[in-house]
Amino acid sequence: MTASELARPAGNSRRAARNAPRTIERDTEEATGRMRAMLPEAWLRPLIVGLSLWLGIFGGSWATMRWLWTRIPARTETANIREARQTLARMEVDTWRIALLKIEGE
């Protein structure tokens, strides 16, 4: 190989080495721009889904507890009244139909 034949690849190598930092910077800026555009979409959807699930669970739990809060006392009072009537009926049967009298509120 002659000196002129070696000079041409050497020039190309120097030009490539000179242009490499600019190319790397440009590629890095493009990648950074794409990443910045992608980040809001990457966390926004999981955030919305997570908040929706949390609100659904919270709201459902609250509504269920509210419903139970109103239903249980009503059922308990009904059961207590029914139980008291049954107890009175048993007492009447056990006392051979003797009438129970209230004496001073007892």
N, C-alpha and C. Protein backbone atom coordinates (compact mmCIF):
# COMPACT_ATOMS: atom_id res chain seq x y z
N MET A 1 0.84 -1.17 0.00
CA MET A 1 0.00 0.00 0.00
C MET A 1 0.88 1.23 0.00
N THR A 2 0.39 2.20 -0.68
CA THR A 2 1.15 3.44 -0.74
C THR A 2 0.65 4.39 0.35
N ALA A 3 1.38 5.47 0.51
CA ALA A 3 1.04 6.45 1.55
C ALA A 3 -0.29 7.12 1.26
N SER A 4 -0.59 7.37 -0.01
CA SER A 4 -1.87 8.02 -0.35
C SER A 4 -3.04 7.07 -0.12
N GLU A 5 -2.81 5.80 -0.34
CA GLU A 5 -3.87 4.83 -0.08
C GLU A 5 -4.14 4.70 1.42
N LEU A 6 -3.09 4.85 2.22
CA LEU A 6 -3.26 4.79 3.67
C LEU A 6 -3.84 6.09 4.22
N ALA A 7 -3.59 7.20 3.54
CA ALA A 7 -4.06 8.49 4.02
C ALA A 7 -5.58 8.61 3.93
N ARG A 8 -6.16 8.01 2.88
CA ARG A 8 -7.61 8.11 2.71
C ARG A 8 -8.37 7.42 3.86
N PRO A 9 -8.08 6.17 4.24
CA PRO A 9 -8.77 5.57 5.40
C PRO A 9 -8.44 6.32 6.69
N ALA A 10 -7.24 6.84 6.81
CA ALA A 10 -6.89 7.59 8.01
C ALA A 10 -7.73 8.85 8.12
N GLY A 11 -7.95 9.52 6.98
CA GLY A 11 -8.79 10.73 6.97
C GLY A 11 -10.23 10.39 7.33
N ASN A 12 -10.69 9.29 6.79
CA ASN A 12 -12.06 8.85 7.12
C ASN A 12 -12.18 8.52 8.60
N SER A 13 -11.15 7.91 9.15
CA SER A 13 -11.16 7.57 10.58
C SER A 13 -11.14 8.83 11.43
N ARG A 14 -10.32 9.84 11.03
CA ARG A 14 -10.28 11.09 11.78
C ARG A 14 -11.63 11.81 11.71
N ARG A 15 -12.24 11.81 10.56
CA ARG A 15 -13.53 12.46 10.38
C ARG A 15 -14.60 11.73 11.24
N ALA A 16 -14.55 10.43 11.26
CA ALA A 16 -15.50 9.65 12.06
C ALA A 16 -15.28 9.92 13.55
N ALA A 17 -14.02 10.02 13.95
CA ALA A 17 -13.71 10.30 15.36
C ALA A 17 -14.15 11.71 15.73
N ARG A 18 -14.00 12.67 14.79
CA ARG A 18 -14.42 14.04 15.05
C ARG A 18 -15.95 14.15 15.13
N ASN A 19 -16.64 13.41 14.30
CA ASN A 19 -18.11 13.48 14.25
C ASN A 19 -18.79 12.61 15.33
N ALA A 20 -18.07 11.70 15.91
CA ALA A 20 -18.66 10.76 16.87
C ALA A 20 -19.30 11.47 18.07
N PRO A 21 -18.64 12.44 18.73
CA PRO A 21 -19.29 13.09 19.88
C PRO A 21 -20.60 13.78 19.50
N ARG A 22 -20.62 14.44 18.34
CA ARG A 22 -21.86 15.10 17.92
C ARG A 22 -22.96 14.08 17.66
N THR A 23 -22.60 12.99 17.04
CA THR A 23 -23.59 11.95 16.75
C THR A 23 -24.11 11.34 18.05
N ILE A 24 -23.23 11.10 19.00
CA ILE A 24 -23.63 10.52 20.28
C ILE A 24 -24.54 11.50 21.02
N GLU A 25 -24.19 12.80 21.02
CA GLU A 25 -25.02 13.80 21.68
C GLU A 25 -26.41 13.87 21.04
N ARG A 26 -26.45 13.87 19.72
CA ARG A 26 -27.73 13.94 19.01
C ARG A 26 -28.59 12.71 19.32
N ASP A 27 -27.98 11.55 19.29
CA ASP A 27 -28.72 10.32 19.60
C ASP A 27 -29.22 10.32 21.05
N THR A 28 -28.37 10.81 21.95
CA THR A 28 -28.76 10.87 23.36
C THR A 28 -29.92 11.84 23.56
N GLU A 29 -29.87 12.99 22.90
CA GLU A 29 -30.96 13.97 23.00
C GLU A 29 -32.26 13.40 22.45
N GLU A 30 -32.18 12.69 21.33
CA GLU A 30 -33.39 12.08 20.75
C GLU A 30 -33.97 11.03 21.69
N ALA A 31 -33.09 10.21 22.26
CA ALA A 31 -33.56 9.17 23.19
C ALA A 31 -34.17 9.80 24.44
N THR A 32 -33.55 10.88 24.94
CA THR A 32 -34.07 11.57 26.11
C THR A 32 -35.43 12.17 25.81
N GLY A 33 -35.58 12.76 24.65
CA GLY A 33 -36.87 13.34 24.25
C GLY A 33 -37.96 12.28 24.16
N ARG A 34 -37.63 11.15 23.57
CA ARG A 34 -38.61 10.05 23.50
C ARG A 34 -38.98 9.56 24.90
N MET A 35 -37.98 9.48 25.78
CA MET A 35 -38.23 9.02 27.14
C MET A 35 -39.12 10.00 27.90
N ARG A 36 -38.87 11.30 27.71
CA ARG A 36 -39.69 12.32 28.38
C ARG A 36 -41.14 12.24 27.89
N ALA A 37 -41.32 11.97 26.61
CA ALA A 37 -42.67 11.86 26.06
C ALA A 37 -43.36 10.59 26.57
N MET A 38 -42.61 9.55 26.81
CA MET A 38 -43.17 8.27 27.21
C MET A 38 -43.48 8.20 28.72
N LEU A 39 -42.71 8.90 29.53
CA LEU A 39 -42.88 8.80 30.99
C LEU A 39 -44.28 9.15 31.49
N PRO A 40 -44.89 10.25 31.06
CA PRO A 40 -46.25 10.54 31.55
C PRO A 40 -47.23 9.41 31.24
N GLU A 41 -47.14 8.84 30.05
CA GLU A 41 -48.03 7.74 29.70
C GLU A 41 -47.71 6.49 30.49
N ALA A 42 -46.45 6.31 30.84
CA ALA A 42 -46.03 5.09 31.54
C ALA A 42 -46.56 5.04 32.96
N TRP A 43 -46.69 6.17 33.63
CA TRP A 43 -47.16 6.13 35.03
C TRP A 43 -48.59 6.60 35.18
N LEU A 44 -49.13 7.29 34.17
CA LEU A 44 -50.48 7.82 34.29
C LEU A 44 -51.53 6.72 34.31
N ARG A 45 -51.43 5.77 33.41
CA ARG A 45 -52.42 4.69 33.34
C ARG A 45 -52.41 3.84 34.62
N PRO A 46 -51.24 3.38 35.11
CA PRO A 46 -51.27 2.63 36.38
C PRO A 46 -51.79 3.46 37.54
N LEU A 47 -51.51 4.77 37.54
CA LEU A 47 -52.02 5.63 38.60
C LEU A 47 -53.55 5.67 38.57
N ILE A 48 -54.11 5.84 37.40
CA ILE A 48 -55.57 5.90 37.28
C ILE A 48 -56.20 4.57 37.67
N VAL A 49 -55.62 3.47 37.20
CA VAL A 49 -56.16 2.15 37.56
C VAL A 49 -56.06 1.91 39.06
N GLY A 50 -54.91 2.26 39.64
CA GLY A 50 -54.72 2.08 41.08
C GLY A 50 -55.70 2.90 41.90
N LEU A 51 -55.89 4.17 41.52
CA LEU A 51 -56.83 5.02 42.24
C LEU A 51 -58.26 4.51 42.09
N SER A 52 -58.60 4.03 40.90
CA SER A 52 -59.94 3.49 40.69
C SER A 52 -60.18 2.27 41.56
N LEU A 53 -59.21 1.38 41.60
CA LEU A 53 -59.34 0.20 42.46
C LEU A 53 -59.45 0.59 43.92
N TRP A 54 -58.61 1.53 44.36
CA TRP A 54 -58.64 1.96 45.74
C TRP A 54 -59.99 2.58 46.09
N LEU A 55 -60.49 3.45 45.22
CA LEU A 55 -61.79 4.08 45.47
C LEU A 55 -62.91 3.04 45.47
N GLY A 56 -62.82 2.07 44.57
CA GLY A 56 -63.83 1.02 44.53
C GLY A 56 -63.84 0.19 45.79
N ILE A 57 -62.68 -0.21 46.24
CA ILE A 57 -62.59 -1.01 47.47
C ILE A 57 -63.03 -0.18 48.67
N PHE A 58 -62.55 1.04 48.75
CA PHE A 58 -62.92 1.92 49.87
C PHE A 58 -64.42 2.19 49.88
N GLY A 59 -64.96 2.56 48.72
CA GLY A 59 -66.39 2.86 48.63
C GLY A 59 -67.24 1.63 48.91
N GLY A 60 -66.84 0.48 48.37
CA GLY A 60 -67.59 -0.74 48.62
C GLY A 60 -67.57 -1.15 50.08
N SER A 61 -66.41 -1.02 50.70
CA SER A 61 -66.30 -1.35 52.12
C SER A 61 -67.16 -0.41 52.96
N TRP A 62 -67.11 0.87 52.64
CA TRP A 62 -67.90 1.85 53.38
C TRP A 62 -69.39 1.56 53.22
N ALA A 63 -69.82 1.30 51.98
CA ALA A 63 -71.24 1.04 51.74
C ALA A 63 -71.69 -0.25 52.44
N THR A 64 -70.85 -1.27 52.43
CA THR A 64 -71.20 -2.53 53.10
C THR A 64 -71.32 -2.32 54.61
N MET A 65 -70.37 -1.62 55.18
CA MET A 65 -70.42 -1.37 56.63
C MET A 65 -71.63 -0.51 56.99
N ARG A 66 -71.94 0.44 56.16
CA ARG A 66 -73.12 1.30 56.41
C ARG A 66 -74.38 0.45 56.37
N TRP A 67 -74.49 -0.46 55.39
CA TRP A 67 -75.65 -1.32 55.27
C TRP A 67 -75.75 -2.24 56.49
N LEU A 68 -74.62 -2.83 56.88
CA LEU A 68 -74.63 -3.71 58.05
C LEU A 68 -74.98 -2.94 59.32
N TRP A 69 -74.51 -1.71 59.41
CA TRP A 69 -74.77 -0.87 60.59
C TRP A 69 -76.27 -0.66 60.77
N THR A 70 -77.01 -0.57 59.69
CA THR A 70 -78.45 -0.36 59.79
C THR A 70 -79.21 -1.68 59.90
N ARG A 71 -78.72 -2.74 59.30
CA ARG A 71 -79.45 -4.01 59.28
C ARG A 71 -79.29 -4.82 60.57
N ILE A 72 -78.12 -4.86 61.14
CA ILE A 72 -77.88 -5.72 62.30
C ILE A 72 -78.71 -5.30 63.51
N PRO A 73 -78.75 -4.01 63.88
CA PRO A 73 -79.59 -3.65 65.04
C PRO A 73 -81.06 -3.99 64.82
N ALA A 74 -81.57 -3.81 63.61
CA ALA A 74 -82.98 -4.12 63.34
C ALA A 74 -83.24 -5.61 63.52
N ARG A 75 -82.34 -6.44 63.03
CA ARG A 75 -82.50 -7.88 63.19
C ARG A 75 -82.35 -8.30 64.65
N THR A 76 -81.42 -7.67 65.36
CA THR A 76 -81.19 -8.01 66.75
C THR A 76 -82.40 -7.65 67.60
N GLU A 77 -82.98 -6.47 67.36
CA GLU A 77 -84.16 -6.06 68.11
C GLU A 77 -85.32 -7.00 67.84
N THR A 78 -85.51 -7.39 66.60
CA THR A 78 -86.57 -8.33 66.25
C THR A 78 -86.34 -9.67 66.93
N ALA A 79 -85.09 -10.14 66.92
CA ALA A 79 -84.76 -11.41 67.56
C ALA A 79 -84.97 -11.31 69.07
N ASN A 80 -84.60 -10.20 69.68
CA ASN A 80 -84.78 -10.03 71.13
C ASN A 80 -86.26 -10.03 71.50
N ILE A 81 -87.08 -9.36 70.72
CA ILE A 81 -88.52 -9.33 71.00
C ILE A 81 -89.10 -10.73 70.86
N ARG A 82 -88.73 -11.43 69.79
CA ARG A 82 -89.21 -12.78 69.57
C ARG A 82 -88.78 -13.70 70.72
N GLU A 83 -87.52 -13.56 71.13
CA GLU A 83 -87.00 -14.38 72.21
C GLU A 83 -87.71 -14.08 73.53
N ALA A 84 -87.99 -12.83 73.79
CA ALA A 84 -88.71 -12.46 75.01
C ALA A 84 -90.11 -13.03 75.02
N ARG A 85 -90.80 -13.00 73.88
CA ARG A 85 -92.15 -13.58 73.80
C ARG A 85 -92.11 -15.08 74.04
N GLN A 86 -91.10 -15.74 73.46
CA GLN A 86 -90.98 -17.18 73.66
C GLN A 86 -90.70 -17.49 75.14
N THR A 87 -89.88 -16.68 75.79
CA THR A 87 -89.58 -16.89 77.20
C THR A 87 -90.83 -16.72 78.05
N LEU A 88 -91.61 -15.69 77.75
CA LEU A 88 -92.87 -15.49 78.49
C LEU A 88 -93.82 -16.65 78.28
N ALA A 89 -93.89 -17.13 77.04
CA ALA A 89 -94.77 -18.27 76.77
C ALA A 89 -94.31 -19.49 77.55
N ARG A 90 -93.01 -19.75 77.60
CA ARG A 90 -92.49 -20.88 78.36
C ARG A 90 -92.77 -20.71 79.86
N MET A 91 -92.64 -19.48 80.35
CA MET A 91 -92.89 -19.24 81.77
C MET A 91 -94.36 -19.52 82.11
N GLU A 92 -95.24 -19.15 81.19
CA GLU A 92 -96.66 -19.41 81.43
C GLU A 92 -96.94 -20.91 81.46
N VAL A 93 -96.29 -21.62 80.53
CA VAL A 93 -96.49 -23.06 80.50
C VAL A 93 -95.88 -23.68 81.74
N ASP A 94 -94.70 -23.23 82.15
CA ASP A 94 -94.02 -23.80 83.31
C ASP A 94 -94.77 -23.51 84.62
N THR A 95 -95.51 -22.44 84.66
CA THR A 95 -96.21 -22.09 85.91
C THR A 95 -97.63 -22.62 85.93
N TRP A 96 -97.94 -23.57 85.07
CA TRP A 96 -99.26 -24.21 85.01
C TRP A 96 -100.38 -23.20 84.86
N ARG A 97 -100.09 -22.23 83.99
CA ARG A 97 -101.08 -21.22 83.64
C ARG A 97 -101.48 -20.34 84.80
N ILE A 98 -100.60 -20.16 85.74
CA ILE A 98 -100.87 -19.21 86.83
C ILE A 98 -100.56 -17.82 86.30
N ALA A 99 -101.40 -16.88 86.53
CA ALA A 99 -101.22 -15.52 86.03
C ALA A 99 -100.08 -14.83 86.78
N LEU A 100 -99.22 -14.14 86.06
CA LEU A 100 -98.12 -13.39 86.66
C LEU A 100 -98.60 -11.97 86.93
N LEU A 101 -98.37 -11.49 88.12
CA LEU A 101 -98.81 -10.17 88.50
C LEU A 101 -97.59 -9.28 88.69
N LYS A 102 -97.77 -8.01 88.33
CA LYS A 102 -96.71 -7.04 88.57
C LYS A 102 -96.87 -6.47 89.95
N ILE A 103 -95.78 -6.56 90.72
CA ILE A 103 -95.81 -5.99 92.06
C ILE A 103 -94.70 -4.94 92.13
N GLU A 104 -95.12 -3.70 92.29
CA GLU A 104 -94.20 -2.57 92.34
C GLU A 104 -93.24 -2.55 91.15
N GLY A 105 -93.78 -2.75 89.96
CA GLY A 105 -93.00 -2.66 88.72
C GLY A 105 -92.16 -3.88 88.41
N GLU A 106 -92.25 -4.94 89.22
CA GLU A 106 -91.47 -6.15 88.95
C GLU A 106 -92.40 -7.30 88.65
